[in-house]
Amino acid sequence: MNANLMPRHPGKSAAKTMSNKIRLYALILLVALGFRLFIALRLANDEPDDGRIYSQIARNVLEQHVYSHDTQPPYNPSLIRLPGYPLFLVAIYSLFGHGNNTAVRVVQAVIDTTTCALIAWVVFEWSVDEERRHRAALIALGLAAVCPFTAIYVATILTEVPTNFLAVAMVLAATFAFKKNALRWWIVTGVIAGLAVLFRPDSGLFAAAIGATLILSALATRSLKRGILSAALFSIAFCIVLVPWTIRNRRVFHVFQPLAPAHAEMPGEFVARGYLLWVRTWLDDSKYVGPALWSLDMRQMYVENFPARAFDSKEERERVAALLDKYNHPDGEEADEGDQTSGDEEDEPEEEPEEEPEEEEPAQPEEANVEMTPEIDAGFAQIGQERIAHSRLRYYVVLPLKRAATLWFDTHSQYYPFNGDLLPLEDLDYDIHQQYWLPLFAGLTWIYTLLGVIGGWLLWRSRDPNARRWLLLAVLLIFLRLGFFATLENPEPRYTVELFPFLIVLAGAGASAIKASAKATETDAAVPMVEYSPD
């Protein structure tokens, strides 16, 4: 055989190929980090009230040695926020200075870049075709690196960045647990899930998705005993992480509170659950969250602020107007013409899409002489129950579906300078170039959604049992969270930003299944048609 025809140094060729891939990974990660550092330093946003609360708790821990959200003595202990993010801030403040949010943003930029790498790693592990694993991982890494919906949160003092990191890390650990069938990995997954819940309580939905996938997979493979043992270890590890916080709340407040209260209330504090029930019977658009919810006990509210669908009849509208009049005038004084004019003037901005309501809330809270009393709340509860009885289909099916659509197909431009709603087009603000940015962001939402759907379809078409298990896990991760938030009265699109990493995972993993899906299609086409004969 001619020596010139033989391959030269095949090992060197493979090493060179791998070296090129590593360079490409590094280049994309550098782009991701640069993009996030630019956002962190140039688009810093201190407006969210949640951020102020987290920062205040962190400073009180460092300076007053008490976990409190109070801004002045006596700094009473608090449980309205879970300790994960405040302690994260404590660690950064202790190193770089109390209240140094620039340092927080830079650290978050690094963490979010790491999340991009974890997304690529998950896709690498989920890939059906081993020859396409790196290609699929690079596709996912590229999509994650330039995703503007998750990147913007590095500029805020909110929990989204560490929550995304822990959610993807949780899924990666669960992937190892499934593939290696190793109990120790289920313990690791449970610990990460517990840590994620300490940052955001709704991260428990991700843990529930993993647990459901574990049990369903065990049933499908007839290994229920092993599945129950794995689920038990996963659950125990998850709960152990929450034990210190639960014990602290029991000792300090004498309540069993492993998570944060649903409405961020302190023990014994009044919550207008009846009013919230009434709001839940009609609110399906995020632009009413500010006027209907964030104004409560802060600003006056008028019946004109709410859409026609909030009332089933003229009589019901009058009842709501009477309750709001009592709320606006807790001292029993009737509204004079000046008050009514003020209400009408407030009506116009309230009808606009929500524009930084969190910035308005602390402006002049003491001057707003309003109060939601238990008596008024009971009146709203009665109206809410009547509306549910009038149309259960609307309350339990139609409204949640509308909220889900609102959550998903938003522009997801929150915390960008051009934040707003795309429709109606005539309301776009040309001064901040919404006519360019909002259509772009709406289009990107559709692109990421379609890529995720196509990736999921390719995983299903591959007929690979592991691929279908990953598809089941991704579907549960996405729709358990979306379904939960669709039942609440405050459909804020930022609550769905944690779903974009899993859309990207589906898109990347699906790219690895193209070949397997094509083979499955060819197999279906090759199956001969058998004619039926009555003989």
Protein backbone atom coordinates (compact mmCIF):
# COMPACT_ATOMS: atom_id res chain seq x y z
CA MET A 1 0.00 0.00 0.00
CA ASN A 2 1.25 3.45 -0.89
CA ALA A 3 2.37 5.21 2.26
CA ASN A 4 1.15 8.53 0.87
CA LEU A 5 -2.43 7.23 0.89
CA MET A 6 -2.40 6.42 4.60
CA PRO A 7 -3.74 9.02 7.05
CA ARG A 8 -1.05 10.93 8.84
CA HIS A 9 -1.23 11.37 12.60
CA PRO A 10 -5.00 10.82 13.08
CA GLY A 11 -4.54 11.59 16.76
CA LYS A 12 -3.17 15.04 15.96
CA SER A 13 -6.12 15.73 13.64
CA ALA A 14 -8.64 14.84 16.37
CA ALA A 15 -6.73 16.94 18.90
CA LYS A 16 -6.74 19.90 16.52
CA THR A 17 -10.47 19.55 15.98
CA MET A 18 -11.09 19.49 19.73
CA SER A 19 -8.80 22.47 20.20
CA ASN A 20 -10.83 24.42 17.66
CA LYS A 21 -14.05 23.53 19.47
CA ILE A 22 -12.60 24.68 22.79
CA ARG A 23 -11.61 27.98 21.20
CA LEU A 24 -15.13 28.40 19.86
CA TYR A 25 -16.63 27.67 23.28
CA ALA A 26 -14.28 30.23 24.84
CA LEU A 27 -15.08 32.85 22.20
CA ILE A 28 -18.85 32.52 22.69
CA LEU A 29 -18.43 32.70 26.47
CA LEU A 30 -16.36 35.87 26.10
CA VAL A 31 -19.14 37.37 23.96
CA ALA A 32 -21.68 36.37 26.61
CA LEU A 33 -19.63 37.92 29.40
CA GLY A 34 -18.97 41.12 27.44
CA PHE A 35 -22.66 41.50 26.62
CA ARG A 36 -23.62 41.08 30.26
CA LEU A 37 -20.93 43.40 31.58
CA PHE A 38 -22.12 46.06 29.15
CA ILE A 39 -25.69 45.67 30.43
CA ALA A 40 -24.57 45.58 34.07
CA LEU A 41 -22.56 48.79 33.81
CA ARG A 42 -24.54 50.79 31.25
CA LEU A 43 -28.15 49.78 32.01
CA ALA A 44 -28.03 49.60 35.81
CA ASN A 45 -31.53 49.68 37.27
CA ASP A 46 -32.29 50.36 40.94
CA GLU A 47 -36.02 50.93 40.48
CA PRO A 48 -37.59 47.63 41.65
CA ASP A 49 -38.84 47.90 45.23
CA ASP A 50 -37.92 44.24 45.78
CA GLY A 51 -34.31 45.23 45.15
CA ARG A 52 -34.46 47.92 47.80
CA ILE A 53 -35.87 45.42 50.29
CA TYR A 54 -33.15 42.83 49.56
CA SER A 55 -30.45 45.48 49.85
CA GLN A 56 -31.88 46.83 53.11
CA ILE A 57 -31.98 43.34 54.65
CA ALA A 58 -28.36 42.75 53.63
CA ARG A 59 -27.20 46.05 55.15
CA ASN A 60 -29.12 45.34 58.35
CA VAL A 61 -27.47 41.93 58.64
CA LEU A 62 -24.03 43.54 58.28
CA GLU A 63 -24.63 46.69 60.33
CA GLN A 64 -27.36 45.79 62.83
CA HIS A 65 -26.73 42.03 63.00
CA VAL A 66 -30.42 41.29 62.49
CA TYR A 67 -32.35 39.89 59.53
CA SER A 68 -34.76 42.81 59.13
CA HIS A 69 -36.21 44.87 56.30
CA ASP A 70 -36.81 47.93 58.52
CA THR A 71 -35.15 51.17 57.47
CA GLN A 72 -34.92 52.56 61.02
CA PRO A 73 -34.79 51.28 64.62
CA PRO A 74 -35.84 49.07 66.28
CA TYR A 75 -35.05 46.79 63.26
CA ASN A 76 -37.53 44.07 64.02
CA PRO A 77 -36.80 40.59 62.61
CA SER A 78 -38.44 39.79 59.29
CA LEU A 79 -39.56 36.75 57.29
CA ILE A 80 -41.12 38.40 54.23
CA ARG A 81 -38.16 37.40 52.03
CA LEU A 82 -36.24 34.14 51.90
CA PRO A 83 -32.59 34.46 52.97
CA GLY A 84 -30.83 33.24 49.80
CA TYR A 85 -30.50 36.50 47.89
CA PRO A 86 -30.00 38.80 50.92
CA LEU A 87 -27.14 36.57 52.13
CA PHE A 88 -25.73 36.60 48.59
CA LEU A 89 -25.71 40.41 48.85
CA VAL A 90 -24.18 40.20 52.32
CA ALA A 91 -21.24 38.24 50.90
CA ILE A 92 -20.64 40.81 48.14
CA TYR A 93 -21.19 43.86 50.37
CA SER A 94 -18.77 42.50 52.96
CA LEU A 95 -16.06 42.22 50.27
CA PHE A 96 -16.70 45.32 48.17
CA GLY A 97 -18.52 47.75 50.49
CA HIS A 98 -21.99 48.04 51.97
CA GLY A 99 -24.51 48.91 49.28
CA ASN A 100 -22.03 48.42 46.42
CA ASN A 101 -24.57 47.32 43.83
CA THR A 102 -22.11 47.79 40.98
CA ALA A 103 -20.10 44.91 42.40
CA VAL A 104 -23.31 42.89 42.66
CA ARG A 105 -24.04 43.48 39.00
CA VAL A 106 -20.57 42.47 37.89
CA VAL A 107 -20.77 39.26 39.94
CA GLN A 108 -24.20 38.57 38.47
CA ALA A 109 -22.77 39.06 34.96
CA VAL A 110 -20.20 36.35 35.71
CA ILE A 111 -22.87 34.04 37.19
CA ASP A 112 -25.19 34.49 34.22
CA THR A 113 -22.33 33.72 31.84
CA THR A 114 -21.72 30.55 33.82
CA THR A 115 -25.41 29.73 33.40
CA CYS A 116 -24.87 29.88 29.62
CA ALA A 117 -22.10 27.30 29.99
CA LEU A 118 -24.36 25.07 32.10
CA ILE A 119 -27.08 25.27 29.45
CA ALA A 120 -24.58 24.06 26.85
CA TRP A 121 -23.50 21.26 29.21
CA VAL A 122 -27.10 20.09 29.67
CA VAL A 123 -27.57 20.02 25.89
CA PHE A 124 -24.31 18.06 25.52
CA GLU A 125 -25.66 15.45 27.95
CA TRP A 126 -29.12 15.38 26.35
CA SER A 127 -27.85 14.97 22.78
CA VAL A 128 -29.15 11.92 20.94
CA ASP A 129 -26.40 11.80 18.33
CA GLU A 130 -22.93 11.58 19.90
CA GLU A 131 -21.33 12.94 16.75
CA ARG A 132 -23.43 16.09 16.98
CA ARG A 133 -23.05 16.71 20.71
CA HIS A 134 -20.59 19.57 20.42
CA ARG A 135 -22.51 21.13 17.53
CA ALA A 136 -25.73 21.04 19.56
CA ALA A 137 -23.99 22.43 22.66
CA LEU A 138 -22.47 25.28 20.65
CA ILE A 139 -25.88 26.16 19.19
CA ALA A 140 -27.37 26.29 22.68
CA LEU A 141 -24.43 28.29 24.01
CA GLY A 142 -24.83 30.83 21.21
CA LEU A 143 -28.58 31.20 21.83
CA ALA A 144 -28.01 31.60 25.57
CA ALA A 145 -25.13 34.06 25.12
CA VAL A 146 -27.19 36.58 23.14
CA CYS A 147 -30.54 36.04 24.91
CA PRO A 148 -31.58 39.58 25.98
CA PHE A 149 -34.45 38.37 28.17
CA THR A 150 -32.24 36.76 30.81
CA ALA A 151 -29.24 39.06 30.38
CA ILE A 152 -31.04 42.23 31.52
CA TYR A 153 -31.43 40.91 35.06
CA VAL A 154 -27.71 41.24 35.73
CA ALA A 155 -28.44 44.98 35.91
CA THR A 156 -31.08 44.62 38.65
CA ILE A 157 -30.96 43.73 42.33
CA LEU A 158 -33.40 40.85 41.88
CA THR A 159 -33.22 37.09 42.27
CA GLU A 160 -33.52 36.07 38.62
CA VAL A 161 -29.79 35.60 37.88
CA PRO A 162 -28.97 33.17 40.74
CA THR A 163 -32.36 31.50 40.27
CA ASN A 164 -31.60 30.76 36.62
CA PHE A 165 -28.15 29.47 37.55
CA LEU A 166 -29.49 27.14 40.24
CA ALA A 167 -32.41 25.95 38.09
CA VAL A 168 -30.11 24.90 35.24
CA ALA A 169 -27.59 23.41 37.69
CA MET A 170 -30.44 21.45 39.26
CA VAL A 171 -31.44 20.03 35.86
CA LEU A 172 -27.81 19.16 35.05
CA ALA A 173 -27.45 17.28 38.36
CA ALA A 174 -30.74 15.47 37.68
CA THR A 175 -29.43 14.55 34.22
CA PHE A 176 -26.37 12.93 35.78
CA ALA A 177 -28.63 11.15 38.26
CA PHE A 178 -30.78 9.71 35.46
CA LYS A 179 -27.85 8.73 33.24
CA LYS A 180 -25.60 7.26 35.95
CA ASN A 181 -28.47 5.84 38.01
CA ALA A 182 -26.52 7.06 41.04
CA LEU A 183 -28.25 7.86 44.32
CA ARG A 184 -25.57 10.40 45.30
CA TRP A 185 -26.55 12.54 42.34
CA TRP A 186 -30.15 12.62 43.55
CA ILE A 187 -28.86 13.95 46.87
CA VAL A 188 -26.89 16.65 45.02
CA THR A 189 -29.98 17.52 42.98
CA GLY A 190 -32.06 17.84 46.15
CA VAL A 191 -29.51 20.14 47.80
CA ILE A 192 -29.39 22.41 44.72
CA ALA A 193 -33.21 22.45 44.60
CA GLY A 194 -33.33 23.52 48.24
CA LEU A 195 -30.82 26.30 47.61
CA ALA A 196 -32.87 27.47 44.62
CA VAL A 197 -35.99 27.69 46.79
CA LEU A 198 -34.08 29.82 49.30
CA PHE A 199 -33.71 32.38 46.50
CA ARG A 200 -37.22 32.08 45.03
CA PRO A 201 -39.96 29.92 46.57
CA ASP A 202 -41.48 29.16 43.17
CA SER A 203 -38.28 27.28 42.28
CA GLY A 204 -40.00 24.43 44.06
CA LEU A 205 -41.94 23.98 40.81
CA PHE A 206 -38.68 22.97 39.10
CA ALA A 207 -38.08 20.44 41.86
CA ALA A 208 -41.63 19.14 41.37
CA ALA A 209 -40.98 18.73 37.63
CA ILE A 210 -37.86 16.69 38.33
CA GLY A 211 -39.65 14.57 40.92
CA ALA A 212 -42.57 13.87 38.56
CA THR A 213 -40.17 12.90 35.76
CA LEU A 214 -38.34 10.58 38.14
CA ILE A 215 -41.50 8.74 39.19
CA LEU A 216 -42.93 8.54 35.66
CA SER A 217 -39.62 7.22 34.33
CA ALA A 218 -39.54 4.61 37.09
CA LEU A 219 -43.04 3.49 36.17
CA ALA A 220 -42.15 3.32 32.47
CA THR A 221 -39.03 1.22 33.12
CA ARG A 222 -40.68 -0.89 35.83
CA SER A 223 -38.05 0.11 38.39
CA LEU A 224 -40.47 1.62 40.89
CA LYS A 225 -38.55 0.52 43.97
CA ARG A 226 -35.39 2.25 42.80
CA GLY A 227 -37.42 5.27 41.74
CA ILE A 228 -39.07 5.61 45.15
CA LEU A 229 -35.69 5.40 46.91
CA SER A 230 -34.23 8.05 44.58
CA ALA A 231 -37.26 10.30 45.09
CA ALA A 232 -36.99 9.88 48.87
CA LEU A 233 -33.32 10.89 48.92
CA PHE A 234 -34.04 13.81 46.60
CA SER A 235 -36.89 15.02 48.83
CA ILE A 236 -34.98 14.59 52.09
CA ALA A 237 -31.98 16.53 50.78
CA PHE A 238 -34.33 19.24 49.53
CA CYS A 239 -36.08 19.57 52.90
CA ILE A 240 -32.86 19.54 54.95
CA VAL A 241 -31.70 22.72 53.23
CA LEU A 242 -34.88 24.49 54.39
CA VAL A 243 -34.67 23.29 58.01
CA PRO A 244 -32.51 26.14 59.45
CA TRP A 245 -34.79 28.84 58.03
CA THR A 246 -37.89 26.97 59.24
CA ILE A 247 -36.47 26.56 62.76
CA ARG A 248 -35.51 30.24 62.87
CA ASN A 249 -39.04 31.32 61.96
CA ARG A 250 -40.54 28.94 64.51
CA ARG A 251 -38.31 30.27 67.30
CA VAL A 252 -38.62 33.96 66.41
CA PHE A 253 -42.24 34.19 65.19
CA HIS A 254 -43.78 30.96 66.56
CA VAL A 255 -45.06 29.96 63.11
CA PHE A 256 -44.29 27.11 60.75
CA GLN A 257 -42.98 29.02 57.73
CA PRO A 258 -40.45 27.08 55.61
CA LEU A 259 -40.94 29.53 52.71
CA ALA A 260 -41.75 33.22 52.40
CA PRO A 261 -45.42 34.17 52.97
CA ALA A 262 -47.45 34.23 49.75
CA HIS A 263 -48.24 37.94 50.09
CA ALA A 264 -45.01 38.99 51.85
CA GLU A 265 -46.91 39.67 55.06
CA MET A 266 -45.61 39.50 58.60
CA PRO A 267 -47.37 37.18 61.11
CA GLY A 268 -50.75 38.63 62.05
CA GLU A 269 -50.66 41.26 59.32
CA PHE A 270 -53.94 41.81 57.46
CA VAL A 271 -54.04 40.65 53.82
CA ALA A 272 -56.92 41.75 51.58
CA ARG A 273 -57.61 38.24 50.26
CA GLY A 274 -61.19 39.10 49.34
CA TYR A 275 -60.08 42.00 47.18
CA LEU A 276 -57.40 39.83 45.58
CA LEU A 277 -60.05 37.20 44.83
CA TRP A 278 -62.16 39.82 43.06
CA VAL A 279 -59.15 41.01 41.05
CA ARG A 280 -58.44 37.41 40.08
CA THR A 281 -61.89 37.14 38.51
CA TRP A 282 -61.06 39.64 35.77
CA LEU A 283 -57.38 40.66 35.60
CA ASP A 284 -55.70 39.04 32.58
CA ASP A 285 -53.34 41.79 31.41
CA SER A 286 -50.16 42.96 33.13
CA LYS A 287 -50.97 46.62 32.45
CA TYR A 288 -53.62 46.48 35.21
CA VAL A 289 -51.26 45.02 37.82
CA GLY A 290 -50.06 48.50 38.83
CA PRO A 291 -53.46 50.22 39.13
CA ALA A 292 -55.20 47.25 40.77
CA LEU A 293 -52.50 45.76 43.00
CA TRP A 294 -49.50 47.99 43.61
CA SER A 295 -51.78 50.97 44.34
CA LEU A 296 -53.53 49.07 47.14
CA ASP A 297 -53.20 50.89 50.48
CA MET A 298 -50.94 53.41 48.74
CA ARG A 299 -53.10 55.44 46.37
CA GLN A 300 -56.74 56.14 45.75
CA MET A 301 -58.54 53.89 43.29
CA TYR A 302 -61.67 54.61 41.26
CA VAL A 303 -64.06 52.38 39.41
CA GLU A 304 -63.09 54.12 36.16
CA ASN A 305 -59.59 52.69 36.54
CA PHE A 306 -60.84 49.19 35.80
CA PRO A 307 -61.94 47.69 32.46
CA ALA A 308 -65.55 46.87 31.64
CA ARG A 309 -64.87 43.12 31.98
CA ALA A 310 -64.31 43.66 35.72
CA PHE A 311 -68.10 43.93 36.13
CA ASP A 312 -70.88 41.58 35.11
CA SER A 313 -73.63 44.16 35.50
CA LYS A 314 -74.30 47.83 36.20
CA GLU A 315 -75.43 46.91 39.71
CA GLU A 316 -72.13 45.11 40.36
CA ARG A 317 -70.19 48.12 39.11
CA GLU A 318 -72.07 50.35 41.54
CA ARG A 319 -71.27 47.99 44.42
CA VAL A 320 -67.57 48.11 43.55
CA ALA A 321 -67.74 51.91 43.28
CA ALA A 322 -69.29 52.10 46.75
CA LEU A 323 -66.56 49.88 48.24
CA LEU A 324 -63.84 51.93 46.58
CA ASP A 325 -65.41 55.12 47.93
CA LYS A 326 -65.14 53.68 51.45
CA TYR A 327 -61.53 52.68 50.73
CA ASN A 328 -60.67 56.17 49.43
CA HIS A 329 -62.29 57.88 52.43
CA PRO A 330 -61.63 55.72 55.51
CA ASP A 331 -62.69 58.58 57.85
CA GLY A 332 -66.20 58.49 56.45
CA GLU A 333 -65.88 61.75 54.52
CA GLU A 334 -67.72 61.82 51.20
CA ALA A 335 -65.81 62.60 48.03
CA ASP A 336 -66.08 66.23 47.03
CA GLU A 337 -65.77 67.54 43.52
CA GLY A 338 -62.06 68.10 43.89
CA ASP A 339 -61.51 64.50 44.90
CA GLN A 340 -63.56 63.24 41.99
CA THR A 341 -61.68 65.45 39.57
CA SER A 342 -58.44 64.12 40.96
CA GLY A 343 -59.68 60.60 40.39
CA ASP A 344 -60.64 61.35 36.81
CA GLU A 345 -57.24 62.88 36.16
CA GLU A 346 -55.55 59.78 37.50
CA ASP A 347 -57.71 57.64 35.23
CA GLU A 348 -55.77 58.48 32.08
CA PRO A 349 -52.32 57.32 33.20
CA GLU A 350 -53.84 54.31 34.94
CA GLU A 351 -55.26 53.12 31.60
CA GLU A 352 -51.79 53.16 30.06
CA PRO A 353 -49.58 50.04 30.27
CA GLU A 354 -47.81 49.71 33.57
CA GLU A 355 -44.98 52.25 33.67
CA GLU A 356 -42.60 51.59 36.53
CA PRO A 357 -45.26 51.34 39.26
CA GLU A 358 -42.61 50.40 41.77
CA GLU A 359 -41.09 53.88 41.36
CA GLU A 360 -44.42 55.54 42.17
CA GLU A 361 -45.24 53.56 45.32
CA PRO A 362 -42.80 55.12 47.81
CA ALA A 363 -43.27 58.68 46.51
CA GLN A 364 -45.83 60.01 49.02
CA PRO A 365 -47.30 57.03 50.91
CA GLU A 366 -48.13 58.99 54.06
CA GLU A 367 -50.27 61.51 52.15
CA ALA A 368 -52.50 58.80 50.63
CA ASN A 369 -55.28 58.58 53.21
CA VAL A 370 -56.66 55.23 52.09
CA GLU A 371 -57.31 51.94 53.87
CA MET A 372 -58.51 48.49 52.83
CA THR A 373 -60.40 47.35 55.93
CA PRO A 374 -61.65 43.82 56.68
CA GLU A 375 -65.21 45.08 56.12
CA ILE A 376 -64.41 46.43 52.64
CA ASP A 377 -62.40 43.30 51.87
CA ALA A 378 -65.36 41.11 52.81
CA GLY A 379 -67.52 43.06 50.35
CA PHE A 380 -65.04 42.40 47.55
CA ALA A 381 -64.87 38.72 48.56
CA GLN A 382 -68.64 38.40 48.18
CA ILE A 383 -68.57 40.00 44.72
CA GLY A 384 -65.67 37.77 43.72
CA GLN A 385 -67.48 34.62 44.81
CA GLU A 386 -70.58 35.70 42.92
CA ARG A 387 -68.53 36.26 39.77
CA ILE A 388 -66.98 32.80 40.09
CA ALA A 389 -70.41 31.22 40.54
CA HIS A 390 -71.67 33.17 37.54
CA SER A 391 -69.00 31.70 35.25
CA ARG A 392 -66.70 28.99 36.58
CA LEU A 393 -65.41 28.34 33.08
CA ARG A 394 -64.20 31.93 32.86
CA TYR A 395 -62.46 31.81 36.24
CA TYR A 396 -60.87 28.36 36.03
CA VAL A 397 -60.13 28.06 32.30
CA VAL A 398 -60.50 31.22 30.19
CA LEU A 399 -58.71 33.68 32.49
CA PRO A 400 -55.74 31.38 33.26
CA LEU A 401 -55.27 30.79 29.52
CA LYS A 402 -55.34 34.54 28.87
CA ARG A 403 -52.85 35.15 31.68
CA ALA A 404 -50.58 32.43 30.29
CA ALA A 405 -50.64 34.13 26.89
CA THR A 406 -49.90 37.48 28.56
CA LEU A 407 -46.97 35.97 30.45
CA TRP A 408 -45.51 34.23 27.42
CA PHE A 409 -46.07 36.54 24.46
CA ASP A 410 -44.98 39.74 26.14
CA THR A 411 -42.10 41.75 24.67
CA HIS A 412 -40.08 40.82 27.80
CA SER A 413 -38.48 44.24 27.67
CA GLN A 414 -38.76 44.91 31.41
CA TYR A 415 -35.89 46.96 32.86
CA TYR A 416 -34.64 48.06 29.43
CA PRO A 417 -34.86 51.82 28.74
CA PHE A 418 -37.47 51.14 26.03
CA ASN A 419 -39.70 48.96 28.23
CA GLY A 420 -43.34 48.89 27.16
CA ASP A 421 -46.12 47.12 25.28
CA LEU A 422 -46.02 46.66 21.52
CA LEU A 423 -49.76 47.18 21.08
CA PRO A 424 -51.45 49.46 20.34
CA LEU A 425 -48.89 50.66 17.80
CA GLU A 426 -50.09 54.26 17.97
CA ASP A 427 -49.03 54.45 21.63
CA LEU A 428 -45.37 53.62 20.95
CA ASP A 429 -42.90 56.17 22.28
CA TYR A 430 -40.70 57.26 19.37
CA ASP A 431 -38.43 59.28 21.69
CA ILE A 432 -37.04 56.07 23.20
CA HIS A 433 -37.24 54.17 19.89
CA GLN A 434 -39.90 51.70 20.97
CA GLN A 435 -40.94 51.39 17.32
CA TYR A 436 -37.69 49.50 16.69
CA TRP A 437 -36.92 47.70 19.92
CA LEU A 438 -40.33 46.34 20.90
CA PRO A 439 -41.05 44.62 17.53
CA LEU A 440 -37.53 43.15 17.73
CA PHE A 441 -38.11 41.79 21.23
CA ALA A 442 -41.55 40.43 20.30
CA GLY A 443 -39.97 38.73 17.30
CA LEU A 444 -37.20 37.25 19.43
CA THR A 445 -39.80 35.85 21.83
CA TRP A 446 -41.44 34.05 18.91
CA ILE A 447 -38.06 32.85 17.57
CA TYR A 448 -36.97 31.32 20.87
CA THR A 449 -40.43 29.78 21.31
CA LEU A 450 -40.45 28.24 17.82
CA LEU A 451 -36.90 26.93 18.21
CA GLY A 452 -37.90 25.29 21.48
CA VAL A 453 -41.02 23.74 19.95
CA ILE A 454 -39.09 22.43 16.93
CA GLY A 455 -36.39 21.03 19.20
CA GLY A 456 -38.99 19.26 21.33
CA TRP A 457 -40.66 17.81 18.24
CA LEU A 458 -37.30 16.49 16.96
CA LEU A 459 -36.60 14.86 20.32
CA TRP A 460 -39.98 13.15 20.18
CA ARG A 461 -39.52 12.06 16.56
CA SER A 462 -36.12 10.49 17.36
CA ARG A 463 -37.93 7.72 19.28
CA ASP A 464 -34.99 7.55 21.64
CA PRO A 465 -36.27 6.66 25.17
CA ASN A 466 -33.77 9.00 26.82
CA ALA A 467 -34.66 11.84 24.45
CA ARG A 468 -38.34 11.44 25.29
CA ARG A 469 -37.52 11.49 28.99
CA TRP A 470 -35.63 14.78 28.51
CA LEU A 471 -38.59 16.12 26.55
CA LEU A 472 -40.95 15.17 29.39
CA LEU A 473 -38.69 16.90 31.91
CA ALA A 474 -38.47 20.08 29.82
CA VAL A 475 -42.22 20.20 29.27
CA LEU A 476 -42.87 19.85 33.00
CA LEU A 477 -40.23 22.46 33.85
CA ILE A 478 -41.90 24.96 31.54
CA PHE A 479 -45.60 24.30 31.94
CA LEU A 480 -45.78 23.68 35.68
CA ARG A 481 -44.33 27.13 36.21
CA LEU A 482 -46.40 28.79 33.51
CA GLY A 483 -49.57 27.10 34.76
CA PHE A 484 -48.94 28.15 38.35
CA PHE A 485 -48.39 31.82 37.57
CA ALA A 486 -51.39 31.81 35.22
CA THR A 487 -53.61 31.16 38.26
CA LEU A 488 -52.36 34.22 40.17
CA GLU A 489 -53.76 37.73 40.05
CA ASN A 490 -50.47 39.37 39.03
CA PRO A 491 -49.36 38.03 35.60
CA GLU A 492 -45.99 39.81 35.46
CA PRO A 493 -43.94 38.56 32.50
CA ARG A 494 -40.68 38.65 34.47
CA TYR A 495 -41.86 35.53 36.27
CA THR A 496 -41.42 33.55 33.05
CA VAL A 497 -37.85 34.64 32.29
CA GLU A 498 -36.67 31.42 33.98
CA LEU A 499 -38.28 29.45 31.14
CA PHE A 500 -36.00 30.75 28.38
CA PRO A 501 -33.01 28.60 29.43
CA PHE A 502 -35.15 25.50 28.97
CA LEU A 503 -36.43 26.64 25.59
CA ILE A 504 -32.79 26.99 24.59
CA VAL A 505 -32.02 23.52 25.96
CA LEU A 506 -34.84 22.07 23.86
CA ALA A 507 -33.63 23.91 20.77
CA GLY A 508 -30.05 22.69 21.22
CA ALA A 509 -30.94 19.10 22.12
CA GLY A 510 -33.34 18.98 19.18
CA ALA A 511 -30.50 20.00 16.85
CA SER A 512 -28.66 16.82 17.86
CA ALA A 513 -31.73 14.72 17.06
CA ILE A 514 -32.17 15.84 13.44
CA LYS A 515 -30.41 12.78 12.05
CA ALA A 516 -32.21 10.35 14.36
CA SER A 517 -35.56 11.96 13.54
CA ALA A 518 -34.86 11.67 9.81
CA LYS A 519 -34.02 7.98 10.23
CA ALA A 520 -37.27 7.42 12.11
CA THR A 521 -39.17 9.10 9.28
CA GLU A 522 -37.39 6.93 6.69
CA THR A 523 -38.22 3.82 8.72
CA ASP A 524 -41.91 4.78 8.74
CA ALA A 525 -41.82 5.33 4.97
CA ALA A 526 -40.08 2.00 4.37
CA VAL A 527 -42.73 -0.05 6.19
CA PRO A 528 -44.67 -1.85 3.41
CA MET A 529 -48.38 -1.28 3.16
CA VAL A 530 -50.28 -4.55 3.65
CA GLU A 531 -53.47 -4.76 1.67
CA TYR A 532 -56.44 -6.17 3.48
CA SER A 533 -58.07 -9.15 1.83
CA PRO A 534 -61.36 -10.55 3.03
CA ASP A 535 -60.01 -14.01 2.17
